[in-house]
Amino acid sequence: MKSIAQSFLAILAGFITIIGLSGIAGVVLKRVVPSLTDENAPADPFIMAVNVGIGLATSLLGGYITARFSQGNPLVHALMLALVVLLFSAFSALQMKDKQPVYYLLLLIVIPTLAVLCGGTLWLRQTGVPW
């Protein structure tokens, strides 16, 4: 039972990292460039690139933290977080399907999901744990 709780907390820590840092970055972006972050404004390539970059960075860190705090196989925990990120990203993309280009929504689904796995493998590489 203790192992399940530790696994859950490791995944939760990574998820909170992703959500928390993404939220902070979103607030900062809205304060710095309020005209470009309007949800009803036409798609701006710069803001799309910034959003993809934020998703990449926060998800990479979230996967790293999940792997770092996992007690069992770090890559399995990162994979579980990646599945959670995939589900939430897909749900979010469905809500924005009429407001944003499809390629951008696909990037917002795929990049964070893969970044979580890369964060987990980065932890493995740093510690020298075999995959």
Protein backbone atom coordinates (compact mmCIF):
# COMPACT_ATOMS: atom_id res chain seq x y z
CA MET A 1 0.00 0.00 0.00
CA LYS A 2 2.87 2.33 0.81
CA SER A 3 4.32 1.72 -2.66
CA ILE A 4 1.06 2.71 -4.36
CA ALA A 5 0.87 5.91 -2.32
CA GLN A 6 4.47 6.77 -3.18
CA SER A 7 3.81 6.15 -6.86
CA PHE A 8 0.71 8.31 -6.76
CA LEU A 9 2.58 11.12 -4.99
CA ALA A 10 5.46 10.98 -7.49
CA ILE A 11 3.04 11.29 -10.41
CA LEU A 12 1.07 13.99 -8.60
CA ALA A 13 4.27 15.97 -7.96
CA GLY A 14 5.10 15.91 -11.67
CA PHE A 15 1.55 16.86 -12.62
CA ILE A 16 1.43 19.75 -10.15
CA THR A 17 4.77 20.94 -11.52
CA ILE A 18 3.41 20.99 -15.05
CA ILE A 19 0.11 22.66 -14.15
CA GLY A 20 1.66 25.12 -11.71
CA LEU A 21 4.47 26.30 -13.95
CA SER A 22 2.19 26.44 -17.00
CA GLY A 23 -0.27 28.56 -15.03
CA ILE A 24 2.45 30.91 -13.84
CA ALA A 25 3.82 31.22 -17.37
CA GLY A 26 0.32 31.93 -18.68
CA VAL A 27 -0.25 34.69 -16.15
CA VAL A 28 3.12 36.26 -16.92
CA LEU A 29 2.45 36.04 -20.65
CA LYS A 30 -0.96 37.71 -20.26
CA ARG A 31 0.61 40.55 -18.29
CA VAL A 32 3.50 41.05 -20.68
CA VAL A 33 1.60 40.69 -23.97
CA PRO A 34 -2.13 41.00 -23.24
CA SER A 35 -3.14 41.76 -26.83
CA LEU A 36 -1.57 38.57 -28.19
CA THR A 37 -3.01 36.24 -25.56
CA ASP A 38 -6.68 37.02 -26.19
CA GLU A 39 -8.48 33.71 -26.78
CA ASN A 40 -10.66 35.23 -29.51
CA ALA A 41 -7.74 36.81 -31.37
CA PRO A 42 -6.50 35.17 -34.57
CA ALA A 43 -3.72 32.61 -34.16
CA ASP A 44 -0.34 34.30 -33.78
CA PRO A 45 2.72 32.19 -34.71
CA PHE A 46 4.87 33.75 -31.99
CA ILE A 47 2.37 33.01 -29.22
CA MET A 48 1.81 29.51 -30.58
CA ALA A 49 5.57 28.89 -30.48
CA VAL A 50 5.78 30.29 -26.95
CA ASN A 51 2.91 28.06 -25.79
CA VAL A 52 4.50 24.98 -27.33
CA GLY A 53 7.81 25.94 -25.69
CA ILE A 54 6.14 26.39 -22.31
CA GLY A 55 4.48 23.00 -22.68
CA LEU A 56 7.80 21.44 -23.62
CA ALA A 57 9.73 22.95 -20.71
CA THR A 58 7.13 22.34 -18.02
CA SER A 59 6.42 18.79 -19.16
CA LEU A 60 10.12 17.97 -19.33
CA LEU A 61 10.51 19.15 -15.75
CA GLY A 62 7.34 17.33 -14.66
CA GLY A 63 8.60 14.05 -16.10
CA TYR A 64 11.97 14.59 -14.47
CA ILE A 65 10.40 15.24 -11.07
CA THR A 66 8.12 12.23 -11.37
CA ALA A 67 11.05 9.96 -12.20
CA ARG A 68 13.14 11.53 -9.45
CA PHE A 69 10.61 10.83 -6.72
CA SER A 70 9.43 7.43 -7.92
CA GLN A 71 10.40 4.48 -5.78
CA GLY A 72 10.01 1.80 -8.43
CA ASN A 73 10.74 2.00 -12.13
CA PRO A 74 11.10 5.73 -12.94
CA LEU A 75 10.25 5.28 -16.60
CA VAL A 76 6.96 3.56 -15.79
CA HIS A 77 5.99 6.46 -13.55
CA ALA A 78 6.94 8.95 -16.26
CA LEU A 79 4.86 6.94 -18.72
CA MET A 80 1.85 7.11 -16.39
CA LEU A 81 2.26 10.88 -16.13
CA ALA A 82 2.62 11.06 -19.92
CA LEU A 83 -0.73 9.28 -20.27
CA VAL A 84 -2.36 11.76 -17.90
CA VAL A 85 -0.83 14.66 -19.85
CA LEU A 86 -2.00 13.10 -23.12
CA LEU A 87 -5.58 12.83 -21.86
CA PHE A 88 -5.69 16.36 -20.47
CA SER A 89 -4.03 17.80 -23.58
CA ALA A 90 -6.45 16.01 -25.89
CA PHE A 91 -9.43 17.22 -23.88
CA SER A 92 -8.10 20.77 -23.95
CA ALA A 93 -7.49 20.56 -27.70
CA LEU A 94 -11.05 19.39 -28.27
CA GLN A 95 -12.31 22.47 -26.46
CA MET A 96 -10.21 24.74 -28.71
CA LYS A 97 -10.78 22.90 -32.00
CA ASP A 98 -12.74 25.70 -33.65
CA LYS A 99 -10.50 28.51 -32.38
CA GLN A 100 -6.99 27.30 -33.29
CA PRO A 101 -5.33 25.56 -36.27
CA VAL A 102 -5.34 21.76 -36.14
CA TYR A 103 -1.54 21.45 -36.50
CA TYR A 104 -1.09 23.68 -33.44
CA LEU A 105 -3.53 21.61 -31.38
CA LEU A 106 -1.72 18.43 -32.40
CA LEU A 107 1.58 19.96 -31.32
CA LEU A 108 0.03 20.86 -27.96
CA ILE A 109 -0.92 17.21 -27.53
CA VAL A 110 2.21 15.48 -28.79
CA ILE A 111 5.06 17.71 -27.57
CA PRO A 112 4.18 17.76 -23.83
CA THR A 113 3.47 14.03 -23.82
CA LEU A 114 6.85 13.21 -25.35
CA ALA A 115 8.57 15.79 -23.14
CA VAL A 116 7.34 14.00 -20.01
CA LEU A 117 8.96 10.79 -21.25
CA CYS A 118 12.15 12.67 -22.11
CA GLY A 119 12.22 14.13 -18.60
CA GLY A 120 11.95 10.63 -17.15
CA THR A 121 14.73 9.31 -19.36
CA LEU A 122 16.87 12.33 -18.45
CA TRP A 123 16.64 11.30 -14.79
CA LEU A 124 17.60 7.74 -15.73
CA ARG A 125 20.55 8.98 -17.74
CA GLN A 126 21.78 11.20 -14.91
CA THR A 127 21.61 8.41 -12.36
CA GLY A 128 23.02 5.76 -14.68
CA VAL A 129 20.04 3.46 -14.12
CA PRO A 130 19.64 1.08 -17.09
CA TRP A 131 16.41 1.41 -19.02
